[in-house]
Amino acid sequence: MRAIVAESPEVLSWQEVADVRPAAGEVLIRVAAAGVNRADLLQAAGKYPPPPGASDTIGLEVSGVVAAVGDGVSDWVVGQEVCALLAGGGYAEYVAVPAPQVLPIPDGVDLVDAAGLPEVACTVWSNLVQTAGLGEGQQLLVHGGASGVGSHAIQVARQLGAWVAVTAGSEAKLAFCRELGAEVTINYHDEDFVARILEAGGADVILDIIGAAYLDRNIDALANDGRLIVIGMQGGVKGELNLGKLIGKRAAVIGTALRGRPVEGPHGKGAVVAAVTEKVWPMLGDGRIKPVIGARVPVEQAGEAHRLLSSGEVTGKVVLTLG
């Protein structure tokens, strides 16, 4: 089969590689499209190796058609259209994935567009609902509201009855976030997000992709009993935490990651996928939530897809198409 091989961060080539086959409990998917994530850029740069036992090929989510199933798999059948959350291997013609991490294609969603859903849907649901307990009447701040995760988080939070504020870097992106349902939009280049959020009483939950650079200011922006969920480190890995502020607000700082979780267990990827299939997929099926695909790029041009995502020129998800 063919797959993308990262010869360097800038050189991603479509090459012949060894075939993959499904082990017991796995599903083999013939890939129609693969979602592009910032973790993929880090892996291509040698800064985010896959978990032990995972494929060395880049790619954390795909859509496609079931090509074969391993021993013990009964929930999925050959020929079925599916999408899947991966620990790696998505930028390829075929990928083998544990059966609990496979999802059906939501009603009304295009097969290619579905490749941009598993990672954002599982990230948002596991963090906002399962970890932070976001609910009706609470206030959410999303940093990077026009990103793939951000655009999905806005929509899910609004369906939960939460009030949503976002940060983004241009008026066009802020307008895009307002169209998705964000009530407060903040340009981080020339506005103080802390002041804007505190005017509204503070954030009950903050979903943060920046990390260290925003740590102290995020604590300032929290309401009492607020939860800061850190899922990215674009602004560095080491920051100073004022414990006095944290204790004074009875607040929590929680760092989470999805890729390295086990398949099984109450917090495993299988449990997250099951919850997303039950709770989020019906919202996609009836149009309450929509996939946000900013660009489709042929897999042979994976390097251009990485450049697009890195540049911030695109809103929503970038997906690679095969065939």
Protein backbone atom coordinates (compact mmCIF):
# COMPACT_ATOMS: atom_id res chain seq x y z
CA MET A 1 0.00 0.00 0.00
CA ARG A 2 0.99 3.65 -0.11
CA ALA A 3 1.33 6.08 2.77
CA ILE A 4 2.84 9.46 3.59
CA VAL A 5 6.43 9.24 4.82
CA ALA A 6 7.88 12.27 6.63
CA GLU A 7 11.36 12.65 5.18
CA SER A 8 11.58 16.01 6.97
CA PRO A 9 9.01 18.41 8.46
CA GLU A 10 8.66 20.03 5.02
CA VAL A 11 8.97 16.93 2.82
CA LEU A 12 6.03 14.54 3.11
CA SER A 13 6.15 11.98 0.31
CA TRP A 14 3.56 9.44 -0.89
CA GLN A 15 5.47 6.16 -0.96
CA GLU A 16 5.06 2.39 -1.06
CA VAL A 17 5.14 0.95 2.47
CA ALA A 18 4.37 -2.41 4.05
CA ASP A 19 0.74 -3.51 3.97
CA VAL A 20 -1.25 -3.50 7.21
CA ARG A 21 -3.62 -6.25 8.32
CA PRO A 22 -6.18 -6.28 11.12
CA ALA A 23 -5.20 -8.10 14.30
CA ALA A 24 -7.80 -9.69 16.54
CA GLY A 25 -10.30 -7.04 17.63
CA GLU A 26 -9.31 -4.64 14.85
CA VAL A 27 -11.00 -3.24 11.75
CA LEU A 28 -9.12 -2.60 8.49
CA ILE A 29 -10.34 0.57 6.78
CA ARG A 30 -9.71 1.52 3.15
CA VAL A 31 -9.16 5.23 3.65
CA ALA A 32 -11.20 7.80 1.72
CA ALA A 33 -9.91 10.82 3.64
CA ALA A 34 -7.78 11.69 6.66
CA GLY A 35 -8.12 14.63 9.02
CA VAL A 36 -5.11 16.90 9.61
CA ASN A 37 -4.30 17.93 13.20
CA ARG A 38 -1.58 19.99 14.87
CA ALA A 39 -0.30 16.79 16.45
CA ASP A 40 0.49 15.64 12.91
CA LEU A 41 2.69 18.69 12.35
CA LEU A 42 4.52 17.98 15.59
CA GLN A 43 5.03 14.33 14.65
CA ALA A 44 6.40 15.31 11.23
CA ALA A 45 8.87 17.58 13.04
CA GLY A 46 9.97 14.72 15.30
CA LYS A 47 8.44 16.30 18.41
CA TYR A 48 5.46 14.00 19.05
CA PRO A 49 6.22 10.30 18.58
CA PRO A 50 3.31 7.86 18.46
CA PRO A 51 2.40 5.87 21.58
CA PRO A 52 4.05 2.45 21.99
CA GLY A 53 2.60 -0.05 19.54
CA ALA A 54 0.95 2.56 17.30
CA SER A 55 1.76 3.04 13.61
CA ASP A 56 4.67 5.36 12.79
CA THR A 57 2.60 6.81 9.94
CA ILE A 58 1.08 10.23 10.67
CA GLY A 59 -2.67 10.61 11.07
CA LEU A 60 -5.15 10.54 13.96
CA GLU A 61 -8.51 10.22 12.18
CA VAL A 62 -9.91 8.86 8.94
CA SER A 63 -13.08 8.04 7.06
CA GLY A 64 -13.48 5.21 4.59
CA VAL A 65 -14.89 1.76 3.99
CA VAL A 66 -14.37 -1.39 6.05
CA ALA A 67 -12.06 -3.67 4.03
CA ALA A 68 -11.66 -6.53 6.53
CA VAL A 69 -12.23 -7.35 10.19
CA GLY A 70 -10.07 -9.24 12.63
CA ASP A 71 -11.10 -12.14 14.81
CA GLY A 72 -13.71 -11.29 17.39
CA VAL A 73 -15.14 -8.26 15.59
CA SER A 74 -18.90 -8.44 15.10
CA ASP A 75 -20.08 -4.81 15.17
CA TRP A 76 -18.62 -3.87 11.77
CA VAL A 77 -18.92 -5.54 8.37
CA VAL A 78 -16.96 -5.37 5.12
CA GLY A 79 -18.27 -2.62 2.85
CA GLN A 80 -19.64 -0.44 5.64
CA GLU A 81 -18.78 3.28 5.52
CA VAL A 82 -17.15 4.40 8.77
CA CYS A 83 -14.84 6.91 10.39
CA ALA A 84 -12.38 6.28 13.17
CA LEU A 85 -10.23 7.77 15.92
CA LEU A 86 -6.61 6.59 15.65
CA ALA A 87 -3.38 6.58 17.61
CA GLY A 88 -1.60 6.85 14.23
CA GLY A 89 -1.57 5.54 10.67
CA GLY A 90 -4.19 7.72 9.00
CA TYR A 91 -2.18 9.19 6.11
CA ALA A 92 -2.32 5.93 4.19
CA GLU A 93 -4.44 3.85 1.83
CA TYR A 94 -5.33 1.43 4.64
CA VAL A 95 -5.29 1.62 8.43
CA ALA A 96 -6.01 -0.96 11.13
CA VAL A 97 -7.86 0.38 14.18
CA PRO A 98 -9.29 -1.18 17.35
CA ALA A 99 -13.00 -1.83 16.80
CA PRO A 100 -14.13 0.31 19.78
CA GLN A 101 -12.59 3.37 18.09
CA VAL A 102 -14.68 3.03 14.92
CA LEU A 103 -17.79 5.17 14.41
CA PRO A 104 -20.56 5.12 11.80
CA ILE A 105 -20.82 8.02 9.38
CA PRO A 106 -23.38 10.46 10.82
CA ASP A 107 -26.59 10.80 8.81
CA GLY A 108 -26.30 13.46 6.14
CA VAL A 109 -22.52 13.87 6.44
CA ASP A 110 -20.33 13.41 3.36
CA LEU A 111 -17.85 10.52 3.62
CA VAL A 112 -14.84 12.79 3.03
CA ASP A 113 -16.04 15.45 5.48
CA ALA A 114 -16.52 12.75 8.12
CA ALA A 115 -12.72 12.37 8.29
CA GLY A 116 -12.58 15.72 10.09
CA LEU A 117 -14.95 14.67 12.87
CA PRO A 118 -13.55 11.92 15.14
CA GLU A 119 -10.65 13.85 16.68
CA VAL A 120 -12.54 17.10 17.30
CA ALA A 121 -15.73 15.41 18.47
CA CYS A 122 -13.90 13.13 20.90
CA THR A 123 -11.64 15.95 22.13
CA VAL A 124 -14.52 18.32 22.74
CA TRP A 125 -16.90 15.84 24.38
CA SER A 126 -14.26 14.25 26.60
CA ASN A 127 -12.99 17.61 27.78
CA LEU A 128 -16.05 19.83 28.00
CA VAL A 129 -18.55 17.26 29.21
CA GLN A 130 -16.76 14.26 30.71
CA THR A 131 -13.93 16.23 32.36
CA ALA A 132 -15.20 19.79 32.90
CA GLY A 133 -18.90 19.02 33.36
CA LEU A 134 -20.01 21.95 31.18
CA GLY A 135 -23.77 22.37 31.29
CA GLU A 136 -26.71 24.67 30.80
CA GLY A 137 -26.20 28.25 31.91
CA GLN A 138 -22.46 27.95 32.37
CA GLN A 139 -19.93 30.17 30.62
CA LEU A 140 -17.28 28.73 28.31
CA LEU A 141 -14.21 30.48 26.88
CA VAL A 142 -12.59 28.79 23.88
CA HIS A 143 -9.16 29.94 22.73
CA GLY A 144 -8.76 29.53 18.97
CA GLY A 145 -12.47 29.57 18.27
CA ALA A 146 -12.07 29.29 14.49
CA SER A 147 -9.93 26.15 14.68
CA GLY A 148 -11.23 22.65 14.09
CA VAL A 149 -11.65 21.98 17.81
CA GLY A 150 -12.88 25.51 18.48
CA SER A 151 -15.54 25.51 15.78
CA HIS A 152 -16.89 22.18 17.02
CA ALA A 153 -16.73 23.26 20.68
CA ILE A 154 -18.81 26.37 20.01
CA GLN A 155 -21.58 24.30 18.46
CA VAL A 156 -21.59 21.58 21.12
CA ALA A 157 -21.54 24.10 23.97
CA ARG A 158 -24.49 25.99 22.51
CA GLN A 159 -26.43 22.73 22.26
CA LEU A 160 -25.66 22.11 25.93
CA GLY A 161 -27.15 25.50 26.77
CA ALA A 162 -23.83 27.14 27.64
CA TRP A 163 -22.83 30.75 26.91
CA VAL A 164 -19.76 30.88 24.65
CA ALA A 165 -16.91 33.35 24.29
CA VAL A 166 -13.96 32.85 21.93
CA THR A 167 -10.63 34.35 21.04
CA ALA A 168 -9.36 34.54 17.47
CA GLY A 169 -6.89 36.63 15.48
CA SER A 170 -8.95 38.36 12.77
CA GLU A 171 -12.35 39.93 12.24
CA ALA A 172 -13.16 37.33 9.60
CA LYS A 173 -12.55 34.51 12.08
CA LEU A 174 -14.53 36.29 14.78
CA ALA A 175 -17.46 36.72 12.38
CA PHE A 176 -17.23 33.01 11.54
CA CYS A 177 -17.40 32.17 15.26
CA ARG A 178 -20.45 34.40 15.71
CA GLU A 179 -22.18 32.54 12.88
CA LEU A 180 -21.57 29.29 14.78
CA GLY A 181 -23.17 30.72 17.92
CA ALA A 182 -20.44 32.46 19.94
CA GLU A 183 -21.94 35.36 21.92
CA VAL A 184 -18.65 37.12 22.75
CA THR A 185 -15.78 37.30 20.28
CA ILE A 186 -12.39 38.70 21.25
CA ASN A 187 -9.51 39.63 18.95
CA TYR A 188 -6.45 38.56 20.94
CA HIS A 189 -4.23 40.99 19.01
CA ASP A 190 -5.83 44.13 20.42
CA GLU A 191 -8.26 43.13 23.20
CA ASP A 192 -7.74 41.87 26.75
CA PHE A 193 -9.68 38.63 26.94
CA VAL A 194 -9.47 38.63 30.75
CA ALA A 195 -11.25 41.96 31.05
CA ARG A 196 -13.93 40.96 28.55
CA ILE A 197 -14.66 37.67 30.30
CA LEU A 198 -14.67 39.16 33.79
CA GLU A 199 -17.23 41.74 32.62
CA ALA A 200 -19.55 38.77 32.11
CA GLY A 201 -18.76 37.21 35.48
CA GLY A 202 -15.83 34.98 34.53
CA ALA A 203 -15.59 31.67 32.72
CA ASP A 204 -16.83 28.47 34.35
CA VAL A 205 -14.77 26.49 31.84
CA ILE A 206 -11.83 27.50 29.63
CA LEU A 207 -10.72 25.24 26.77
CA ASP A 208 -7.12 26.24 26.07
CA ILE A 209 -4.78 25.29 23.23
CA ILE A 210 -2.08 27.82 24.16
CA GLY A 211 -0.64 26.48 27.42
CA ALA A 212 2.08 28.26 29.36
CA ALA A 213 1.77 31.71 27.79
CA TYR A 214 -1.87 32.00 28.88
CA LEU A 215 -1.69 30.16 32.21
CA ASP A 216 -1.77 33.11 34.62
CA ARG A 217 -4.27 35.10 32.56
CA ASN A 218 -6.54 32.10 32.22
CA ILE A 219 -6.64 31.76 36.02
CA ASP A 220 -7.59 35.45 36.20
CA ALA A 221 -10.42 34.85 33.72
CA LEU A 222 -11.96 31.94 35.64
CA ALA A 223 -15.03 32.33 37.78
CA ASN A 224 -15.12 30.82 41.26
CA ASP A 225 -15.06 27.01 41.01
CA GLY A 226 -13.90 27.35 37.38
CA ARG A 227 -12.08 24.67 35.42
CA LEU A 228 -9.17 25.38 33.07
CA ILE A 229 -8.73 22.51 30.59
CA VAL A 230 -5.36 22.64 28.80
CA ILE A 231 -5.23 20.56 25.61
CA GLY A 232 -2.37 22.24 23.73
CA MET A 233 0.99 23.90 24.23
CA GLN A 234 1.32 26.31 21.31
CA GLY A 235 2.45 28.96 23.80
CA GLY A 236 5.04 26.84 25.60
CA VAL A 237 5.20 24.10 28.19
CA LYS A 238 6.42 25.88 31.35
CA GLY A 239 4.49 28.62 33.12
CA GLU A 240 4.25 30.05 36.62
CA LEU A 241 1.11 29.11 38.54
CA ASN A 242 -0.06 31.41 41.33
CA LEU A 243 -1.53 28.94 43.82
CA GLY A 244 -3.04 31.79 45.82
CA LYS A 245 -5.24 32.73 42.87
CA LEU A 246 -6.13 29.11 42.25
CA ILE A 247 -7.09 28.39 45.85
CA GLY A 248 -8.89 31.70 46.21
CA LYS A 249 -11.19 30.76 43.35
CA ARG A 250 -11.43 27.07 44.31
CA ALA A 251 -10.39 26.52 40.71
CA ALA A 252 -8.87 23.54 38.90
CA VAL A 253 -6.22 23.28 36.19
CA ILE A 254 -6.49 20.03 34.23
CA GLY A 255 -4.21 18.85 31.44
CA THR A 256 -5.58 16.17 29.12
CA ALA A 257 -4.60 14.28 25.99
CA LEU A 258 -6.55 11.83 23.88
CA ARG A 259 -3.94 10.04 21.75
CA GLY A 260 -2.14 8.15 24.48
CA ARG A 261 -5.22 6.90 26.31
CA PRO A 262 -5.85 3.15 26.38
CA VAL A 263 -8.65 1.71 24.29
CA GLU A 264 -10.50 0.20 27.25
CA GLY A 265 -11.48 1.62 30.63
CA PRO A 266 -13.89 4.31 31.84
CA HIS A 267 -11.71 7.11 30.43
CA GLY A 268 -10.39 5.13 27.46
CA LYS A 269 -10.86 5.97 23.80
CA GLY A 270 -13.53 3.32 23.39
CA ALA A 271 -15.68 4.92 26.10
CA VAL A 272 -15.22 8.38 24.57
CA VAL A 273 -16.14 7.11 21.10
CA ALA A 274 -19.24 5.38 22.47
CA ALA A 275 -20.39 8.59 24.19
CA VAL A 276 -19.77 10.67 21.06
CA THR A 277 -21.70 8.19 18.91
CA GLU A 278 -24.63 8.32 21.35
CA LYS A 279 -24.68 12.04 22.16
CA VAL A 280 -23.03 13.99 19.34
CA TRP A 281 -23.80 11.98 16.20
CA PRO A 282 -27.58 12.62 16.50
CA MET A 283 -26.85 16.37 16.61
CA LEU A 284 -24.89 16.03 13.37
CA GLY A 285 -27.60 13.85 11.88
CA ASP A 286 -30.35 16.43 12.36
CA GLY A 287 -28.20 19.46 11.54
CA ARG A 288 -27.90 21.01 14.99
CA ILE A 289 -24.11 20.67 14.58
CA LYS A 290 -22.32 20.80 11.24
CA PRO A 291 -18.84 19.65 10.18
CA VAL A 292 -16.61 22.64 9.47
CA ILE A 293 -14.19 21.75 6.68
CA GLY A 294 -11.94 24.59 5.63
CA ALA A 295 -9.95 22.81 2.93
CA ARG A 296 -9.72 19.50 1.08
CA VAL A 297 -6.22 18.68 -0.14
CA PRO A 298 -5.08 15.60 -2.13
CA VAL A 299 -3.01 13.30 0.07
CA GLU A 300 -0.05 13.63 -2.30
CA GLN A 301 0.05 17.31 -1.24
CA ALA A 302 0.14 16.58 2.49
CA GLY A 303 2.98 19.07 2.92
CA GLU A 304 0.74 21.85 1.60
CA ALA A 305 -2.01 20.74 3.99
CA HIS A 306 0.41 21.04 6.91
CA ARG A 307 1.48 24.47 5.71
CA LEU A 308 -2.16 25.58 5.51
CA LEU A 309 -2.89 24.44 9.05
CA SER A 310 0.29 25.98 10.43
CA SER A 311 -0.33 29.32 8.71
CA GLY A 312 -3.73 29.88 10.28
CA GLU A 313 -5.11 30.76 6.85
CA VAL A 314 -7.92 28.22 7.10
CA THR A 315 -10.90 28.01 9.47
CA GLY A 316 -12.19 24.64 10.64
CA LYS A 317 -10.58 21.37 9.60
CA VAL A 318 -8.21 20.45 6.78
CA VAL A 319 -8.74 16.98 5.30
CA LEU A 320 -6.58 14.94 2.95
CA THR A 321 -8.43 13.12 0.17
CA LEU A 322 -7.45 9.82 -1.43
CA GLY A 323 -8.42 8.73 -4.93
